[in-house]
Amino acid sequence: AKPPNAPPTATQLLEDRNRAVALRVFEEIFNQCRPEIA
């Protein structure tokens, strides 16, 4: 049921990529003041 060091599934990889895209709004556009990368 719980294999050690199981590789991430395709869904997990997609969710991680989507999270990284969303976090760019806060870190780059606002905190780094770079609205030009929208």
PDB file of all heavy atoms in Angstrom:
ATOM      1  N   ALA A   1       0.825  -1.201   0.000  1.00  0.00           N
ATOM      2  CA  ALA A   1       0.000   0.000   0.000  1.00  0.00           C
ATOM      3  C   ALA A   1       0.861   1.254   0.000  1.00  0.00           C
ATOM      4  O   ALA A   1       0.493   2.273  -0.566  1.00  0.00           O
ATOM      5  CB  ALA A   1      -0.927  -0.009   1.211  1.00  0.00           C
ATOM      6  N   LYS A   2       1.996   1.231   0.668  1.00  0.00           N
ATOM      7  CA  LYS A   2       2.862   2.394   0.769  1.00  0.00           C
ATOM      8  C   LYS A   2       4.284   2.040   0.333  1.00  0.00           C
ATOM      9  O   LYS A   2       5.163   1.806   1.160  1.00  0.00           O
ATOM     10  CB  LYS A   2       2.878   2.933   2.198  1.00  0.00           C
ATOM     11  CG  LYS A   2       1.523   3.444   2.673  1.00  0.00           C
ATOM     12  CD  LYS A   2       1.617   3.980   4.084  1.00  0.00           C
ATOM     13  CE  LYS A   2       0.266   4.502   4.558  1.00  0.00           C
ATOM     14  NZ  LYS A   2       0.339   5.024   5.953  1.00  0.00           N
ATOM     15  N   PRO A   3       4.510   1.933  -0.930  1.00  0.00           N
ATOM     16  CA  PRO A   3       5.858   1.599  -1.385  1.00  0.00           C
ATOM     17  C   PRO A   3       6.821   2.728  -1.067  1.00  0.00           C
ATOM     18  O   PRO A   3       6.489   3.908  -1.229  1.00  0.00           O
ATOM     19  CB  PRO A   3       5.683   1.426  -2.909  1.00  0.00           C
ATOM     20  CG  PRO A   3       4.463   2.224  -3.231  1.00  0.00           C
ATOM     21  CD  PRO A   3       3.576   2.129  -2.037  1.00  0.00           C
ATOM     22  N   PRO A   4       8.009   2.405  -0.578  1.00  0.00           N
ATOM     23  CA  PRO A   4       8.973   3.460  -0.231  1.00  0.00           C
ATOM     24  C   PRO A   4       9.503   4.162  -1.474  1.00  0.00           C
ATOM     25  O   PRO A   4       9.742   3.545  -2.505  1.00  0.00           O
ATOM     26  CB  PRO A   4      10.077   2.682   0.486  1.00  0.00           C
ATOM     27  CG  PRO A   4       9.984   1.287  -0.056  1.00  0.00           C
ATOM     28  CD  PRO A   4       8.527   1.053  -0.335  1.00  0.00           C
ATOM     29  N   ASN A   5       9.632   5.524  -1.317  1.00  0.00           N
ATOM     30  CA  ASN A   5      10.207   6.338  -2.403  1.00  0.00           C
ATOM     31  C   ASN A   5       9.457   6.165  -3.723  1.00  0.00           C
ATOM     32  O   ASN A   5      10.063   6.020  -4.788  1.00  0.00           O
ATOM     33  CB  ASN A   5      11.685   6.002  -2.605  1.00  0.00           C
ATOM     34  CG  ASN A   5      12.498   6.242  -1.340  1.00  0.00           C
ATOM     35  OD1 ASN A   5      12.242   7.187  -0.598  1.00  0.00           O
ATOM     36  ND2 ASN A   5      13.471   5.365  -1.095  1.00  0.00           N
ATOM     37  N   ALA A   6       8.107   6.165  -3.626  1.00  0.00           N
ATOM     38  CA  ALA A   6       7.308   6.018  -4.841  1.00  0.00           C
ATOM     39  C   ALA A   6       7.435   7.276  -5.697  1.00  0.00           C
ATOM     40  O   ALA A   6       7.395   8.396  -5.184  1.00  0.00           O
ATOM     41  CB  ALA A   6       5.840   5.791  -4.481  1.00  0.00           C
ATOM     42  N   PRO A   7       7.621   7.153  -6.998  1.00  0.00           N
ATOM     43  CA  PRO A   7       7.736   8.334  -7.858  1.00  0.00           C
ATOM     44  C   PRO A   7       6.410   9.082  -7.917  1.00  0.00           C
ATOM     45  O   PRO A   7       5.337   8.477  -7.790  1.00  0.00           O
ATOM     46  CB  PRO A   7       8.099   7.730  -9.225  1.00  0.00           C
ATOM     47  CG  PRO A   7       7.571   6.332  -9.166  1.00  0.00           C
ATOM     48  CD  PRO A   7       7.709   5.886  -7.745  1.00  0.00           C
ATOM     49  N   PRO A   8       6.423  10.423  -8.066  1.00  0.00           N
ATOM     50  CA  PRO A   8       5.168  11.188  -8.136  1.00  0.00           C
ATOM     51  C   PRO A   8       4.365  10.814  -9.374  1.00  0.00           C
ATOM     52  O   PRO A   8       4.917  10.511 -10.428  1.00  0.00           O
ATOM     53  CB  PRO A   8       5.647  12.640  -8.201  1.00  0.00           C
ATOM     54  CG  PRO A   8       7.052  12.557  -8.720  1.00  0.00           C
ATOM     55  CD  PRO A   8       7.600  11.266  -8.188  1.00  0.00           C
ATOM     56  N   THR A   9       3.072  10.865  -9.217  1.00  0.00           N
ATOM     57  CA  THR A   9       2.181  10.548 -10.334  1.00  0.00           C
ATOM     58  C   THR A   9       2.117  11.734 -11.289  1.00  0.00           C
ATOM     59  O   THR A   9       2.570  12.837 -10.978  1.00  0.00           O
ATOM     60  CB  THR A   9       0.781  10.218  -9.820  1.00  0.00           C
ATOM     61  OG1 THR A   9       0.228  11.392  -9.177  1.00  0.00           O
ATOM     62  CG2 THR A   9       0.822   9.072  -8.812  1.00  0.00           C
ATOM     63  N   ALA A  10       1.503  11.487 -12.438  1.00  0.00           N
ATOM     64  CA  ALA A  10       1.354  12.562 -13.426  1.00  0.00           C
ATOM     65  C   ALA A  10       0.495  13.693 -12.870  1.00  0.00           C
ATOM     66  O   ALA A  10       0.750  14.871 -13.129  1.00  0.00           O
ATOM     67  CB  ALA A  10       0.739  12.004 -14.708  1.00  0.00           C
ATOM     68  N   THR A  11      -0.527  13.340 -12.075  1.00  0.00           N
ATOM     69  CA  THR A  11      -1.394  14.363 -11.473  1.00  0.00           C
ATOM     70  C   THR A  11      -0.614  15.218 -10.488  1.00  0.00           C
ATOM     71  O   THR A  11      -0.757  16.450 -10.463  1.00  0.00           O
ATOM     72  CB  THR A  11      -2.584  13.697 -10.764  1.00  0.00           C
ATOM     73  OG1 THR A  11      -3.336  12.923 -11.712  1.00  0.00           O
ATOM     74  CG2 THR A  11      -3.494  14.743 -10.140  1.00  0.00           C
ATOM     75  N   GLN A  12       0.229  14.582  -9.679  1.00  0.00           N
ATOM     76  CA  GLN A  12       1.033  15.339  -8.721  1.00  0.00           C
ATOM     77  C   GLN A  12       2.004  16.286  -9.423  1.00  0.00           C
ATOM     78  O   GLN A  12       2.190  17.429  -9.005  1.00  0.00           O
ATOM     79  CB  GLN A  12       1.804  14.379  -7.819  1.00  0.00           C
ATOM     80  CG  GLN A  12       0.915  13.602  -6.853  1.00  0.00           C
ATOM     81  CD  GLN A  12       1.697  12.549  -6.079  1.00  0.00           C
ATOM     82  OE1 GLN A  12       2.716  12.037  -6.558  1.00  0.00           O
ATOM     83  NE2 GLN A  12       1.215  12.193  -4.896  1.00  0.00           N
ATOM     84  N   LEU A  13       2.606  15.823 -10.492  1.00  0.00           N
ATOM     85  CA  LEU A  13       3.521  16.676 -11.248  1.00  0.00           C
ATOM     86  C   LEU A  13       2.794  17.870 -11.847  1.00  0.00           C
ATOM     87  O   LEU A  13       3.298  19.001 -11.830  1.00  0.00           O
ATOM     88  CB  LEU A  13       4.207  15.866 -12.346  1.00  0.00           C
ATOM     89  CG  LEU A  13       5.204  14.795 -11.882  1.00  0.00           C
ATOM     90  CD1 LEU A  13       5.675  13.961 -13.070  1.00  0.00           C
ATOM     91  CD2 LEU A  13       6.389  15.449 -11.173  1.00  0.00           C
ATOM     92  N   LEU A  14       1.592  17.636 -12.384  1.00  0.00           N
ATOM     93  CA  LEU A  14       0.805  18.720 -12.965  1.00  0.00           C
ATOM     94  C   LEU A  14       0.416  19.736 -11.888  1.00  0.00           C
ATOM     95  O   LEU A  14       0.504  20.951 -12.106  1.00  0.00           O
ATOM     96  CB  LEU A  14      -0.446  18.149 -13.635  1.00  0.00           C
ATOM     97  CG  LEU A  14      -1.418  19.185 -14.227  1.00  0.00           C
ATOM     98  CD1 LEU A  14      -0.728  19.979 -15.334  1.00  0.00           C
ATOM     99  CD2 LEU A  14      -2.672  18.496 -14.755  1.00  0.00           C
ATOM    100  N   GLU A  15      -0.004  19.258 -10.735  1.00  0.00           N
ATOM    101  CA  GLU A  15      -0.393  20.163  -9.654  1.00  0.00           C
ATOM    102  C   GLU A  15       0.788  20.982  -9.162  1.00  0.00           C
ATOM    103  O   GLU A  15       0.642  22.168  -8.846  1.00  0.00           O
ATOM    104  CB  GLU A  15      -1.019  19.366  -8.509  1.00  0.00           C
ATOM    105  CG  GLU A  15      -2.373  18.770  -8.856  1.00  0.00           C
ATOM    106  CD  GLU A  15      -2.956  17.944  -7.725  1.00  0.00           C
ATOM    107  OE1 GLU A  15      -2.205  17.640  -6.760  1.00  0.00           O
ATOM    108  OE2 GLU A  15      -4.150  17.600  -7.789  1.00  0.00           O
ATOM    109  N   ASP A  16       1.965  20.383  -9.108  1.00  0.00           N
ATOM    110  CA  ASP A  16       3.165  21.120  -8.693  1.00  0.00           C
ATOM    111  C   ASP A  16       3.493  22.225  -9.699  1.00  0.00           C
ATOM    112  O   ASP A  16       3.873  23.341  -9.315  1.00  0.00           O
ATOM    113  CB  ASP A  16       4.356  20.172  -8.550  1.00  0.00           C
ATOM    114  CG  ASP A  16       4.223  19.265  -7.340  1.00  0.00           C
ATOM    115  OD1 ASP A  16       3.404  19.566  -6.450  1.00  0.00           O
ATOM    116  OD2 ASP A  16       4.937  18.233  -7.298  1.00  0.00           O
ATOM    117  N   ARG A  17       3.359  21.928 -10.989  1.00  0.00           N
ATOM    118  CA  ARG A  17       3.628  22.947 -12.012  1.00  0.00           C
ATOM    119  C   ARG A  17       2.609  24.075 -11.930  1.00  0.00           C
ATOM    120  O   ARG A  17       2.972  25.259 -12.045  1.00  0.00           O
ATOM    121  CB  ARG A  17       3.617  22.307 -13.406  1.00  0.00           C
ATOM    122  CG  ARG A  17       4.835  21.451 -13.706  1.00  0.00           C
ATOM    123  CD  ARG A  17       4.957  21.167 -15.192  1.00  0.00           C
ATOM    124  NE  ARG A  17       3.835  20.386 -15.689  1.00  0.00           N
ATOM    125  CZ  ARG A  17       3.832  19.057 -15.766  1.00  0.00           C
ATOM    126  NH1 ARG A  17       4.897  18.371 -15.375  1.00  0.00           N
ATOM    127  NH2 ARG A  17       2.787  18.405 -16.239  1.00  0.00           N
ATOM    128  N   ASN A  18       1.353  23.731 -11.722  1.00  0.00           N
ATOM    129  CA  ASN A  18       0.308  24.754 -11.609  1.00  0.00           C
ATOM    130  C   ASN A  18       0.533  25.635 -10.379  1.00  0.00           C
ATOM    131  O   ASN A  18       0.337  26.854 -10.439  1.00  0.00           O
ATOM    132  CB  ASN A  18      -1.066  24.093 -11.532  1.00  0.00           C
ATOM    133  CG  ASN A  18      -1.469  23.430 -12.835  1.00  0.00           C
ATOM    134  OD1 ASN A  18      -0.886  23.700 -13.893  1.00  0.00           O
ATOM    135  ND2 ASN A  18      -2.456  22.551 -12.776  1.00  0.00           N
ATOM    136  N   ARG A  19       0.957  25.031  -9.274  1.00  0.00           N
ATOM    137  CA  ARG A  19       1.242  25.811  -8.069  1.00  0.00           C
ATOM    138  C   ARG A  19       2.381  26.789  -8.316  1.00  0.00           C
ATOM    139  O   ARG A  19       2.325  27.954  -7.897  1.00  0.00           O
ATOM    140  CB  ARG A  19       1.598  24.886  -6.901  1.00  0.00           C
ATOM    141  CG  ARG A  19       1.886  25.654  -5.597  1.00  0.00           C
ATOM    142  CD  ARG A  19       2.456  24.769  -4.522  1.00  0.00           C
ATOM    143  NE  ARG A  19       1.490  23.792  -4.061  1.00  0.00           N
ATOM    144  CZ  ARG A  19       1.555  22.484  -4.315  1.00  0.00           C
ATOM    145  NH1 ARG A  19       2.554  21.997  -5.058  1.00  0.00           N
ATOM    146  NH2 ARG A  19       0.651  21.655  -3.844  1.00  0.00           N
ATOM    147  N   ALA A  20       3.408  26.343  -9.019  1.00  0.00           N
ATOM    148  CA  ALA A  20       4.546  27.216  -9.309  1.00  0.00           C
ATOM    149  C   ALA A  20       4.126  28.407 -10.166  1.00  0.00           C
ATOM    150  O   ALA A  20       4.605  29.529  -9.964  1.00  0.00           O
ATOM    151  CB  ALA A  20       5.646  26.417 -10.004  1.00  0.00           C
ATOM    152  N   VAL A  21       3.228  28.175 -11.121  1.00  0.00           N
ATOM    153  CA  VAL A  21       2.736  29.270 -11.966  1.00  0.00           C
ATOM    154  C   VAL A  21       1.975  30.285 -11.123  1.00  0.00           C
ATOM    155  O   VAL A  21       2.173  31.503 -11.244  1.00  0.00           O
ATOM    156  CB  VAL A  21       1.843  28.719 -13.091  1.00  0.00           C
ATOM    157  CG1 VAL A  21       1.152  29.856 -13.836  1.00  0.00           C
ATOM    158  CG2 VAL A  21       2.657  27.877 -14.064  1.00  0.00           C
ATOM    159  N   ALA A  22       1.083  29.807 -10.260  1.00  0.00           N
ATOM    160  CA  ALA A  22       0.279  30.710  -9.435  1.00  0.00           C
ATOM    161  C   ALA A  22       1.141  31.514  -8.461  1.00  0.00           C
ATOM    162  O   ALA A  22       0.900  32.704  -8.232  1.00  0.00           O
ATOM    163  CB  ALA A  22      -0.774  29.909  -8.670  1.00  0.00           C
ATOM    164  N   LEU A  23       2.175  30.896  -7.906  1.00  0.00           N
ATOM    165  CA  LEU A  23       3.025  31.594  -6.943  1.00  0.00           C
ATOM    166  C   LEU A  23       3.822  32.718  -7.594  1.00  0.00           C
ATOM    167  O   LEU A  23       4.236  33.666  -6.913  1.00  0.00           O
ATOM    168  CB  LEU A  23       3.975  30.604  -6.270  1.00  0.00           C
ATOM    169  CG  LEU A  23       3.325  29.635  -5.280  1.00  0.00           C
ATOM    170  CD1 LEU A  23       4.345  28.627  -4.769  1.00  0.00           C
ATOM    171  CD2 LEU A  23       2.687  30.390  -4.112  1.00  0.00           C
ATOM    172  N   ARG A  24       4.036  32.653  -8.906  1.00  0.00           N
ATOM    173  CA  ARG A  24       4.761  33.719  -9.596  1.00  0.00           C
ATOM    174  C   ARG A  24       4.019  35.048  -9.515  1.00  0.00           C
ATOM    175  O   ARG A  24       4.639  36.117  -9.524  1.00  0.00           O
ATOM    176  CB  ARG A  24       4.990  33.348 -11.059  1.00  0.00           C
ATOM    177  CG  ARG A  24       5.950  32.201 -11.286  1.00  0.00           C
ATOM    178  CD  ARG A  24       6.221  32.005 -12.773  1.00  0.00           C
ATOM    179  NE  ARG A  24       6.953  33.152 -13.333  1.00  0.00           N
ATOM    180  CZ  ARG A  24       7.187  33.304 -14.635  1.00  0.00           C
ATOM    181  NH1 ARG A  24       6.742  32.411 -15.491  1.00  0.00           N
ATOM    182  NH2 ARG A  24       7.865  34.350 -15.068  1.00  0.00           N
ATOM    183  N   VAL A  25       2.688  34.987  -9.434  1.00  0.00           N
ATOM    184  CA  VAL A  25       1.901  36.220  -9.324  1.00  0.00           C
ATOM    185  C   VAL A  25       2.317  36.998  -8.079  1.00  0.00           C
ATOM    186  O   VAL A  25       2.537  38.216  -8.127  1.00  0.00           O
ATOM    187  CB  VAL A  25       0.397  35.890  -9.270  1.00  0.00           C
ATOM    188  CG1 VAL A  25      -0.421  37.148  -9.017  1.00  0.00           C
ATOM    189  CG2 VAL A  25      -0.045  35.211 -10.561  1.00  0.00           C
ATOM    190  N   PHE A  26       2.455  36.308  -6.961  1.00  0.00           N
ATOM    191  CA  PHE A  26       2.753  36.985  -5.700  1.00  0.00           C
ATOM    192  C   PHE A  26       4.234  37.329  -5.573  1.00  0.00           C
ATOM    193  O   PHE A  26       4.579  38.424  -5.130  1.00  0.00           O
ATOM    194  CB  PHE A  26       2.312  36.094  -4.535  1.00  0.00           C
ATOM    195  CG  PHE A  26       0.852  35.782  -4.557  1.00  0.00           C
ATOM    196  CD1 PHE A  26       0.371  34.645  -5.191  1.00  0.00           C
ATOM    197  CD2 PHE A  26      -0.064  36.635  -3.960  1.00  0.00           C
ATOM    198  CE1 PHE A  26      -0.982  34.362  -5.225  1.00  0.00           C
ATOM    199  CE2 PHE A  26      -1.417  36.366  -3.993  1.00  0.00           C
ATOM    200  CZ  PHE A  26      -1.889  35.224  -4.630  1.00  0.00           C
ATOM    201  N   GLU A  27       5.093  36.397  -5.946  1.00  0.00           N
ATOM    202  CA  GLU A  27       6.520  36.602  -5.737  1.00  0.00           C
ATOM    203  C   GLU A  27       7.134  37.540  -6.768  1.00  0.00           C
ATOM    204  O   GLU A  27       7.943  38.414  -6.414  1.00  0.00           O
ATOM    205  CB  GLU A  27       7.256  35.258  -5.762  1.00  0.00           C
ATOM    206  CG  GLU A  27       8.746  35.365  -5.483  1.00  0.00           C
ATOM    207  CD  GLU A  27       9.054  36.031  -4.156  1.00  0.00           C
ATOM    208  OE1 GLU A  27       8.269  35.842  -3.195  1.00  0.00           O
ATOM    209  OE2 GLU A  27      10.059  36.752  -4.071  1.00  0.00           O
ATOM    210  N   GLU A  28       6.747  37.407  -8.031  1.00  0.00           N
ATOM    211  CA  GLU A  28       7.402  38.181  -9.082  1.00  0.00           C
ATOM    212  C   GLU A  28       6.649  39.464  -9.428  1.00  0.00           C
ATOM    213  O   GLU A  28       7.252  40.541  -9.462  1.00  0.00           O
ATOM    214  CB  GLU A  28       7.587  37.307 -10.327  1.00  0.00           C
ATOM    215  CG  GLU A  28       8.487  36.100 -10.074  1.00  0.00           C
ATOM    216  CD  GLU A  28       8.720  35.272 -11.325  1.00  0.00           C
ATOM    217  OE1 GLU A  28       8.819  35.866 -12.410  1.00  0.00           O
ATOM    218  OE2 GLU A  28       8.793  34.028 -11.219  1.00  0.00           O
ATOM    219  N   ILE A  29       5.341  39.369  -9.693  1.00  0.00           N
ATOM    220  CA  ILE A  29       4.596  40.569 -10.073  1.00  0.00           C
ATOM    221  C   ILE A  29       4.522  41.560  -8.917  1.00  0.00           C
ATOM    222  O   ILE A  29       4.773  42.758  -9.095  1.00  0.00           O
ATOM    223  CB  ILE A  29       3.189  40.198 -10.570  1.00  0.00           C
ATOM    224  CG1 ILE A  29       3.283  39.453 -11.910  1.00  0.00           C
ATOM    225  CG2 ILE A  29       2.324  41.452 -10.722  1.00  0.00           C
ATOM    226  CD1 ILE A  29       1.949  39.071 -12.495  1.00  0.00           C
ATOM    227  N   PHE A  30       4.191  41.084  -7.699  1.00  0.00           N
ATOM    228  CA  PHE A  30       4.009  41.994  -6.570  1.00  0.00           C
ATOM    229  C   PHE A  30       5.295  42.208  -5.770  1.00  0.00           C
ATOM    230  O   PHE A  30       5.757  43.331  -5.629  1.00  0.00           O
ATOM    231  CB  PHE A  30       2.891  41.479  -5.659  1.00  0.00           C
ATOM    232  CG  PHE A  30       1.524  41.664  -6.239  1.00  0.00           C
ATOM    233  CD1 PHE A  30       0.827  40.593  -6.786  1.00  0.00           C
ATOM    234  CD2 PHE A  30       0.923  42.909  -6.258  1.00  0.00           C
ATOM    235  CE1 PHE A  30      -0.431  40.763  -7.326  1.00  0.00           C
ATOM    236  CE2 PHE A  30      -0.340  43.102  -6.804  1.00  0.00           C
ATOM    237  CZ  PHE A  30      -1.017  42.027  -7.343  1.00  0.00           C
ATOM    238  N   ASN A  31       5.878  41.149  -5.237  1.00  0.00           N
ATOM    239  CA  ASN A  31       7.027  41.330  -4.347  1.00  0.00           C
ATOM    240  C   ASN A  31       8.269  41.830  -5.073  1.00  0.00           C
ATOM    241  O   ASN A  31       9.068  42.570  -4.502  1.00  0.00           O
ATOM    242  CB  ASN A  31       7.339  40.020  -3.616  1.00  0.00           C
ATOM    243  CG  ASN A  31       6.239  39.648  -2.633  1.00  0.00           C
ATOM    244  OD1 ASN A  31       5.390  40.470  -2.293  1.00  0.00           O
ATOM    245  ND2 ASN A  31       6.247  38.410  -2.179  1.00  0.00           N
ATOM    246  N   GLN A  32       8.453  41.424  -6.326  1.00  0.00           N
ATOM    247  CA  GLN A  32       9.592  41.911  -7.110  1.00  0.00           C
ATOM    248  C   GLN A  32       9.223  43.106  -7.986  1.00  0.00           C
ATOM    249  O   GLN A  32      10.078  43.619  -8.715  1.00  0.00           O
ATOM    250  CB  GLN A  32      10.159  40.791  -7.971  1.00  0.00           C
ATOM    251  CG  GLN A  32      10.712  39.616  -7.173  1.00  0.00           C
ATOM    252  CD  GLN A  32      11.259  38.510  -8.072  1.00  0.00           C
ATOM    253  OE1 GLN A  32      11.517  38.702  -9.260  1.00  0.00           O
ATOM    254  NE2 GLN A  32      11.434  37.321  -7.503  1.00  0.00           N
ATOM    255  N   CYS A  33       7.939  43.503  -7.920  1.00  0.00           N
ATOM    256  CA  CYS A  33       7.454  44.670  -8.673  1.00  0.00           C
ATOM    257  C   CYS A  33       7.774  44.534 -10.166  1.00  0.00           C
ATOM    258  O   CYS A  33       8.406  45.408 -10.762  1.00  0.00           O
ATOM    259  CB  CYS A  33       8.045  45.951  -8.104  1.00  0.00           C
ATOM    260  SG  CYS A  33       7.196  47.453  -8.654  1.00  0.00           S
ATOM    261  N   ARG A  34       7.307  43.434 -10.766  1.00  0.00           N
ATOM    262  CA  ARG A  34       7.577  43.175 -12.185  1.00  0.00           C
ATOM    263  C   ARG A  34       6.267  42.874 -12.919  1.00  0.00           C
ATOM    264  O   ARG A  34       6.023  41.761 -13.371  1.00  0.00           O
ATOM    265  CB  ARG A  34       8.542  42.009 -12.331  1.00  0.00           C
ATOM    266  CG  ARG A  34       9.925  42.250 -11.720  1.00  0.00           C
ATOM    267  CD  ARG A  34      10.747  40.967 -11.743  1.00  0.00           C
ATOM    268  NE  ARG A  34      10.924  40.466 -13.108  1.00  0.00           N
ATOM    269  CZ  ARG A  34      11.294  39.222 -13.401  1.00  0.00           C
ATOM    270  NH1 ARG A  34      11.511  38.348 -12.415  1.00  0.00           N
ATOM    271  NH2 ARG A  34      11.445  38.836 -14.648  1.00  0.00           N
ATOM    272  N   PRO A  35       5.384  43.864 -13.050  1.00  0.00           N
ATOM    273  CA  PRO A  35       4.106  43.617 -13.735  1.00  0.00           C
ATOM    274  C   PRO A  35       4.270  43.305 -15.210  1.00  0.00           C
ATOM    275  O   PRO A  35       3.353  42.774 -15.842  1.00  0.00           O
ATOM    276  CB  PRO A  35       3.335  44.924 -13.521  1.00  0.00           C
ATOM    277  CG  PRO A  35       4.400  45.958 -13.320  1.00  0.00           C
ATOM    278  CD  PRO A  35       5.512  45.255 -12.596  1.00  0.00           C
ATOM    279  N   GLU A  36       5.437  43.610 -15.776  1.00  0.00           N
ATOM    280  CA  GLU A  36       5.636  43.384 -17.212  1.00  0.00           C
ATOM    281  C   GLU A  36       5.678  41.912 -17.586  1.00  0.00           C
ATOM    282  O   GLU A  36       5.555  41.563 -18.768  1.00  0.00           O
ATOM    283  CB  GLU A  36       6.924  44.073 -17.675  1.00  0.00           C
ATOM    284  CG  GLU A  36       8.215  43.463 -17.132  1.00  0.00           C
ATOM    285  CD  GLU A  36       8.593  43.940 -15.749  1.00  0.00           C
ATOM    286  OE1 GLU A  36       7.824  44.734 -15.171  1.00  0.00           O
ATOM    287  OE2 GLU A  36       9.644  43.528 -15.244  1.00  0.00           O
ATOM    288  N   ILE A  37       5.859  41.013 -16.600  1.00  0.00           N
ATOM    289  CA  ILE A  37       5.927  39.584 -16.921  1.00  0.00           C
ATOM    290  C   ILE A  37       4.557  38.923 -16.889  1.00  0.00           C
ATOM    291  O   ILE A  37       4.460  37.700 -17.006  1.00  0.00           O
ATOM    292  CB  ILE A  37       6.881  38.841 -15.970  1.00  0.00           C
ATOM    293  CG1 ILE A  37       6.299  38.805 -14.549  1.00  0.00           C
ATOM    294  CG2 ILE A  37       8.257  39.459 -15.975  1.00  0.00           C
ATOM    295  CD1 ILE A  37       7.033  37.872 -13.624  1.00  0.00           C
ATOM    296  N   ALA A  38       3.500  39.712 -16.738  1.00  0.00           N
ATOM    297  CA  ALA A  38       2.159  39.136 -16.674  1.00  0.00           C
ATOM    298  C   ALA A  38       1.833  38.310 -17.916  1.00  0.00           C
ATOM    299  O   ALA A  38       1.132  37.297 -17.838  1.00  0.00           O
ATOM    300  CB  ALA A  38       1.117  40.236 -16.482  1.00  0.00           C
TER     301      ALA A  38
END
